[in-house]
Amino acid sequence: MISEEELKALDDWRFKSHMPSRAAAVRELLKRGLAAEGYFSIAGDGSSSRDFGVIASKPDKSP
């Protein structure tokens, strides 16, 4: 749970940043926080939205 003040700050940031949903805003902020602490590297040019997530997915083992 988050406070009303935190929710307002999240929504304000979400709309300013043109995020499609609160969930997307939370994922982006979490990713940025983890990157700031050295736990997540920011992707370079040529990445698509499906390349992003909070936790890296397991590599595909299909042939």
N, C-alpha and C. Protein backbone atom coordinates (compact mmCIF):
# COMPACT_ATOMS: atom_id res chain seq x y z
N MET A 1 0.84 -1.18 0.00
CA MET A 1 0.00 0.00 0.00
C MET A 1 0.89 1.24 0.00
N ILE A 2 0.40 2.26 -0.67
CA ILE A 2 1.10 3.54 -0.67
C ILE A 2 0.15 4.62 -0.19
N SER A 3 0.71 5.70 0.32
CA SER A 3 -0.10 6.79 0.85
C SER A 3 -0.74 7.58 -0.30
N GLU A 4 -1.72 8.39 0.05
CA GLU A 4 -2.36 9.25 -0.95
C GLU A 4 -1.35 10.21 -1.57
N GLU A 5 -0.42 10.70 -0.76
CA GLU A 5 0.61 11.61 -1.26
C GLU A 5 1.52 10.91 -2.26
N GLU A 6 1.91 9.67 -1.96
CA GLU A 6 2.75 8.90 -2.87
C GLU A 6 2.00 8.58 -4.16
N LEU A 7 0.72 8.24 -4.04
CA LEU A 7 -0.10 7.94 -5.21
C LEU A 7 -0.23 9.17 -6.11
N LYS A 8 -0.41 10.34 -5.49
CA LYS A 8 -0.50 11.57 -6.28
C LYS A 8 0.82 11.84 -7.01
N ALA A 9 1.94 11.65 -6.31
CA ALA A 9 3.25 11.85 -6.94
C ALA A 9 3.45 10.87 -8.09
N LEU A 10 3.05 9.62 -7.89
CA LEU A 10 3.16 8.61 -8.95
C LEU A 10 2.31 9.00 -10.16
N ASP A 11 1.06 9.37 -9.92
CA ASP A 11 0.18 9.76 -11.03
C ASP A 11 0.68 11.01 -11.74
N ASP A 12 1.18 11.99 -10.97
CA ASP A 12 1.72 13.21 -11.59
C ASP A 12 2.89 12.86 -12.51
N TRP A 13 3.80 12.02 -12.02
CA TRP A 13 4.95 11.61 -12.82
C TRP A 13 4.50 10.80 -14.03
N ARG A 14 3.54 9.91 -13.81
CA ARG A 14 3.03 9.06 -14.90
C ARG A 14 2.49 9.91 -16.04
N PHE A 15 1.66 10.88 -15.73
CA PHE A 15 1.06 11.70 -16.79
C PHE A 15 2.11 12.59 -17.46
N LYS A 16 3.03 13.14 -16.68
CA LYS A 16 4.10 13.97 -17.23
C LYS A 16 4.99 13.16 -18.17
N SER A 17 5.17 11.88 -17.84
CA SER A 17 6.06 11.00 -18.62
C SER A 17 5.32 10.20 -19.68
N HIS A 18 4.02 10.42 -19.82
CA HIS A 18 3.20 9.75 -20.83
C HIS A 18 3.23 8.23 -20.69
N MET A 19 3.18 7.76 -19.45
CA MET A 19 3.15 6.31 -19.21
C MET A 19 1.71 5.82 -19.40
N PRO A 20 1.53 4.64 -20.00
CA PRO A 20 0.19 4.16 -20.32
C PRO A 20 -0.63 3.69 -19.11
N SER A 21 0.02 3.37 -18.00
CA SER A 21 -0.70 2.88 -16.83
C SER A 21 0.13 3.11 -15.58
N ARG A 22 -0.53 2.98 -14.42
CA ARG A 22 0.21 3.06 -13.16
C ARG A 22 1.23 1.94 -13.08
N ALA A 23 0.84 0.75 -13.52
CA ALA A 23 1.75 -0.39 -13.48
C ALA A 23 3.02 -0.11 -14.29
N ALA A 24 2.87 0.48 -15.47
CA ALA A 24 4.01 0.82 -16.31
C ALA A 24 4.88 1.86 -15.61
N ALA A 25 4.25 2.83 -14.95
CA ALA A 25 5.00 3.86 -14.22
C ALA A 25 5.78 3.24 -13.07
N VAL A 26 5.15 2.34 -12.33
CA VAL A 26 5.83 1.68 -11.21
C VAL A 26 7.01 0.85 -11.72
N ARG A 27 6.81 0.11 -12.82
CA ARG A 27 7.91 -0.68 -13.39
C ARG A 27 9.08 0.22 -13.81
N GLU A 28 8.77 1.34 -14.45
CA GLU A 28 9.81 2.25 -14.91
C GLU A 28 10.57 2.86 -13.73
N LEU A 29 9.85 3.28 -12.71
CA LEU A 29 10.51 3.86 -11.54
C LEU A 29 11.33 2.82 -10.79
N LEU A 30 10.82 1.60 -10.71
CA LEU A 30 11.56 0.53 -10.07
C LEU A 30 12.84 0.23 -10.85
N LYS A 31 12.71 0.18 -12.16
CA LYS A 31 13.88 -0.06 -13.02
C LYS A 31 14.92 1.04 -12.83
N ARG A 32 14.48 2.28 -12.77
CA ARG A 32 15.40 3.40 -12.59
C ARG A 32 16.06 3.35 -11.22
N GLY A 33 15.31 3.00 -10.20
CA GLY A 33 15.88 2.88 -8.86
C GLY A 33 16.91 1.77 -8.79
N LEU A 34 16.60 0.63 -9.39
CA LEU A 34 17.54 -0.48 -9.41
C LEU A 34 18.79 -0.12 -10.22
N ALA A 35 18.61 0.59 -11.32
CA ALA A 35 19.75 1.01 -12.14
C ALA A 35 20.65 1.96 -11.34
N ALA A 36 20.04 2.84 -10.59
CA ALA A 36 20.82 3.79 -9.79
C ALA A 36 21.66 3.08 -8.74
N GLU A 37 21.18 1.94 -8.29
CA GLU A 37 21.91 1.15 -7.29
C GLU A 37 22.84 0.13 -7.94
N GLY A 38 22.87 0.09 -9.28
CA GLY A 38 23.77 -0.82 -9.99
C GLY A 38 23.22 -2.22 -10.20
N TYR A 39 21.93 -2.41 -10.03
CA TYR A 39 21.33 -3.74 -10.17
C TYR A 39 20.66 -3.96 -11.52
N PHE A 40 20.62 -2.97 -12.36
CA PHE A 40 19.89 -3.09 -13.62
C PHE A 40 20.55 -2.17 -14.61
N SER A 41 20.91 -2.69 -15.78
CA SER A 41 21.53 -1.84 -16.80
C SER A 41 20.46 -1.33 -17.75
N ILE A 42 20.60 -0.10 -18.16
CA ILE A 42 19.67 0.52 -19.09
C ILE A 42 20.04 0.09 -20.50
N ALA A 43 19.05 -0.32 -21.27
CA ALA A 43 19.28 -0.80 -22.63
C ALA A 43 19.64 0.37 -23.55
N GLY A 44 20.37 0.05 -24.57
CA GLY A 44 20.78 1.06 -25.54
C GLY A 44 19.77 1.20 -26.66
N ASP A 45 20.17 1.91 -27.69
CA ASP A 45 19.31 2.11 -28.86
C ASP A 45 18.99 0.78 -29.52
N GLY A 46 17.84 0.72 -30.16
CA GLY A 46 17.45 -0.48 -30.87
C GLY A 46 16.68 -1.46 -30.03
N SER A 47 16.41 -1.14 -28.77
CA SER A 47 15.64 -2.03 -27.91
C SER A 47 14.15 -1.77 -28.11
N SER A 48 13.36 -2.81 -27.91
CA SER A 48 11.91 -2.64 -27.99
C SER A 48 11.33 -2.77 -26.58
N SER A 49 10.09 -2.39 -26.42
CA SER A 49 9.47 -2.42 -25.10
C SER A 49 9.44 -3.82 -24.51
N ARG A 50 9.38 -4.85 -25.33
CA ARG A 50 9.35 -6.21 -24.79
C ARG A 50 10.70 -6.63 -24.20
N ASP A 51 11.74 -5.84 -24.46
CA ASP A 51 13.06 -6.12 -23.89
C ASP A 51 13.18 -5.64 -22.45
N PHE A 52 12.19 -4.90 -21.97
CA PHE A 52 12.26 -4.32 -20.65
C PHE A 52 11.38 -5.05 -19.67
N GLY A 53 11.86 -5.17 -18.46
CA GLY A 53 11.11 -5.74 -17.35
C GLY A 53 11.93 -5.52 -16.10
N VAL A 54 11.33 -5.75 -14.97
CA VAL A 54 12.03 -5.56 -13.72
C VAL A 54 12.99 -6.72 -13.47
N ILE A 55 12.53 -7.94 -13.78
CA ILE A 55 13.35 -9.12 -13.59
C ILE A 55 13.63 -9.72 -14.97
N ALA A 56 14.87 -10.03 -15.22
CA ALA A 56 15.24 -10.61 -16.52
C ALA A 56 14.58 -11.98 -16.68
N SER A 57 14.07 -12.25 -17.86
CA SER A 57 13.47 -13.55 -18.12
C SER A 57 14.55 -14.57 -18.42
N LYS A 58 14.23 -15.82 -18.24
CA LYS A 58 15.17 -16.89 -18.55
C LYS A 58 15.36 -16.97 -20.04
N PRO A 59 16.57 -17.31 -20.50
CA PRO A 59 16.80 -17.41 -21.94
C PRO A 59 15.95 -18.52 -22.56
N ASP A 60 15.54 -18.27 -23.77
CA ASP A 60 14.77 -19.27 -24.51
C ASP A 60 15.68 -20.42 -24.89
N LYS A 61 15.27 -21.65 -24.55
CA LYS A 61 16.11 -22.82 -24.84
C LYS A 61 15.62 -23.59 -26.05
N SER A 62 14.76 -22.97 -26.85
CA SER A 62 14.28 -23.67 -28.03
C SER A 62 15.37 -23.74 -29.09
N PRO A 63 15.39 -24.79 -29.91
CA PRO A 63 16.45 -24.97 -30.91
C PRO A 63 16.45 -23.95 -32.01
